[in-house]
Amino acid sequence: DLGIAEDALVIRPRMEVTVTRLAPGAAVFLAALRDGTTIADAAAAAFADDDGFDPTAALALLIGSGLATSLSFAPEASP
């Protein structure tokens, strides 16, 4: 339906272009991570955009597509 907007992820692993339709909220999640936010804050932004956001599927896409090659844990803030 041309009247409904959708988001897509375009990547080029090993020089082959891949286009993946993104689930609701996933584009907001990925954009937040790209901008340097934490996974928790990115998920909160995605849920604010669409309450049907599926964080498990978004993380699976992030890792499965090769967009994320490592994760790091920030030290907890002191009270």
C-alpha atoms as a PDB file:
ATOM      1  CA  ASP A   1       0.000   0.000   0.000  1.00  0.00           C
ATOM      2  CA  LEU A   2       1.629   3.223  -1.121  1.00  0.00           C
ATOM      3  CA  GLY A   3      -0.268   5.189   1.516  1.00  0.00           C
ATOM      4  CA  ILE A   4       1.575   3.513   4.402  1.00  0.00           C
ATOM      5  CA  ALA A   5       5.141   4.471   5.260  1.00  0.00           C
ATOM      6  CA  GLU A   6       7.618   1.718   6.096  1.00  0.00           C
ATOM      7  CA  ASP A   7      11.256   1.663   7.163  1.00  0.00           C
ATOM      8  CA  ALA A   8      13.993  -0.425   5.590  1.00  0.00           C
ATOM      9  CA  LEU A   9      17.586  -1.237   6.448  1.00  0.00           C
ATOM     10  CA  VAL A  10      20.006  -1.239   3.530  1.00  0.00           C
ATOM     11  CA  ILE A  11      23.404  -2.804   4.164  1.00  0.00           C
ATOM     12  CA  ARG A  12      26.188  -4.041   1.941  1.00  0.00           C
ATOM     13  CA  PRO A  13      27.970  -6.947   3.581  1.00  0.00           C
ATOM     14  CA  ARG A  14      30.729  -8.372   1.408  1.00  0.00           C
ATOM     15  CA  MET A  15      29.747  -5.981  -1.436  1.00  0.00           C
ATOM     16  CA  GLU A  16      26.245  -7.492  -1.821  1.00  0.00           C
ATOM     17  CA  VAL A  17      23.345  -5.102  -1.164  1.00  0.00           C
ATOM     18  CA  THR A  18      20.694  -6.388   1.238  1.00  0.00           C
ATOM     19  CA  VAL A  19      17.399  -4.616   1.958  1.00  0.00           C
ATOM     20  CA  THR A  20      15.432  -5.645   5.050  1.00  0.00           C
ATOM     21  CA  ARG A  21      11.987  -4.356   6.008  1.00  0.00           C
ATOM     22  CA  LEU A  22      12.117  -3.055   9.576  1.00  0.00           C
ATOM     23  CA  ALA A  23       9.473  -3.831  12.163  1.00  0.00           C
ATOM     24  CA  PRO A  24       7.695  -0.955  13.943  1.00  0.00           C
ATOM     25  CA  GLY A  25      10.082   0.998  16.164  1.00  0.00           C
ATOM     26  CA  ALA A  26      13.210  -0.686  14.821  1.00  0.00           C
ATOM     27  CA  ALA A  27      14.341   2.318  12.761  1.00  0.00           C
ATOM     28  CA  VAL A  28      14.121   4.556  15.838  1.00  0.00           C
ATOM     29  CA  PHE A  29      16.047   1.938  17.847  1.00  0.00           C
ATOM     30  CA  LEU A  30      18.836   1.662  15.262  1.00  0.00           C
ATOM     31  CA  ALA A  31      19.060   5.435  14.790  1.00  0.00           C
ATOM     32  CA  ALA A  32      19.397   5.949  18.540  1.00  0.00           C
ATOM     33  CA  LEU A  33      22.202   3.386  18.716  1.00  0.00           C
ATOM     34  CA  ARG A  34      23.910   5.014  15.745  1.00  0.00           C
ATOM     35  CA  ASP A  35      23.796   8.292  17.645  1.00  0.00           C
ATOM     36  CA  GLY A  36      25.624   6.711  20.598  1.00  0.00           C
ATOM     37  CA  THR A  37      22.838   6.087  23.089  1.00  0.00           C
ATOM     38  CA  THR A  38      22.643   2.991  25.287  1.00  0.00           C
ATOM     39  CA  ILE A  39      20.588  -0.045  24.323  1.00  0.00           C
ATOM     40  CA  ALA A  40      18.156   0.730  27.162  1.00  0.00           C
ATOM     41  CA  ASP A  41      17.656   4.324  26.015  1.00  0.00           C
ATOM     42  CA  ALA A  42      17.357   3.236  22.383  1.00  0.00           C
ATOM     43  CA  ALA A  43      14.684   0.709  23.368  1.00  0.00           C
ATOM     44  CA  ALA A  44      12.822   3.373  25.362  1.00  0.00           C
ATOM     45  CA  ALA A  45      12.844   5.652  22.319  1.00  0.00           C
ATOM     46  CA  ALA A  46      11.583   2.811  20.131  1.00  0.00           C
ATOM     47  CA  PHE A  47       8.759   1.981  22.565  1.00  0.00           C
ATOM     48  CA  ALA A  48       7.832   5.682  22.658  1.00  0.00           C
ATOM     49  CA  ASP A  49       7.627   5.612  18.857  1.00  0.00           C
ATOM     50  CA  ASP A  50       5.638   2.363  18.692  1.00  0.00           C
ATOM     51  CA  ASP A  51       4.367   0.342  21.652  1.00  0.00           C
ATOM     52  CA  GLY A  52       4.589  -2.807  19.518  1.00  0.00           C
ATOM     53  CA  PHE A  53       8.389  -2.574  19.346  1.00  0.00           C
ATOM     54  CA  ASP A  54      10.068  -5.969  19.799  1.00  0.00           C
ATOM     55  CA  PRO A  55      13.513  -5.465  21.376  1.00  0.00           C
ATOM     56  CA  THR A  56      14.473  -9.122  20.983  1.00  0.00           C
ATOM     57  CA  ALA A  57      13.875  -9.037  17.234  1.00  0.00           C
ATOM     58  CA  ALA A  58      15.691  -5.702  16.925  1.00  0.00           C
ATOM     59  CA  LEU A  59      18.762  -7.030  18.748  1.00  0.00           C
ATOM     60  CA  ALA A  60      18.684 -10.202  16.640  1.00  0.00           C
ATOM     61  CA  LEU A  61      18.627  -8.060  13.497  1.00  0.00           C
ATOM     62  CA  LEU A  62      21.438  -5.870  14.809  1.00  0.00           C
ATOM     63  CA  ILE A  63      23.705  -8.836  15.511  1.00  0.00           C
ATOM     64  CA  GLY A  64      22.540 -11.129  12.700  1.00  0.00           C
ATOM     65  CA  SER A  65      23.047  -8.487  10.021  1.00  0.00           C
ATOM     66  CA  GLY A  66      26.572  -7.769  11.212  1.00  0.00           C
ATOM     67  CA  LEU A  67      25.770  -4.166  12.165  1.00  0.00           C
ATOM     68  CA  ALA A  68      26.927  -4.861  15.712  1.00  0.00           C
ATOM     69  CA  THR A  69      30.220  -6.632  16.046  1.00  0.00           C
ATOM     70  CA  SER A  70      30.671  -6.099  19.769  1.00  0.00           C
ATOM     71  CA  LEU A  71      28.851  -4.880  22.843  1.00  0.00           C
ATOM     72  CA  SER A  72      30.370  -3.116  25.809  1.00  0.00           C
ATOM     73  CA  PHE A  73      29.070  -2.466  29.277  1.00  0.00           C
ATOM     74  CA  ALA A  74      29.350   0.982  30.786  1.00  0.00           C
ATOM     75  CA  PRO A  75      30.389   1.078  34.429  1.00  0.00           C
ATOM     76  CA  GLU A  76      27.485   1.775  36.759  1.00  0.00           C
ATOM     77  CA  ALA A  77      27.231   5.310  38.046  1.00  0.00           C
ATOM     78  CA  SER A  78      27.958   5.941  41.711  1.00  0.00           C
ATOM     79  CA  PRO A  79      24.959   6.926  43.858  1.00  0.00           C
END
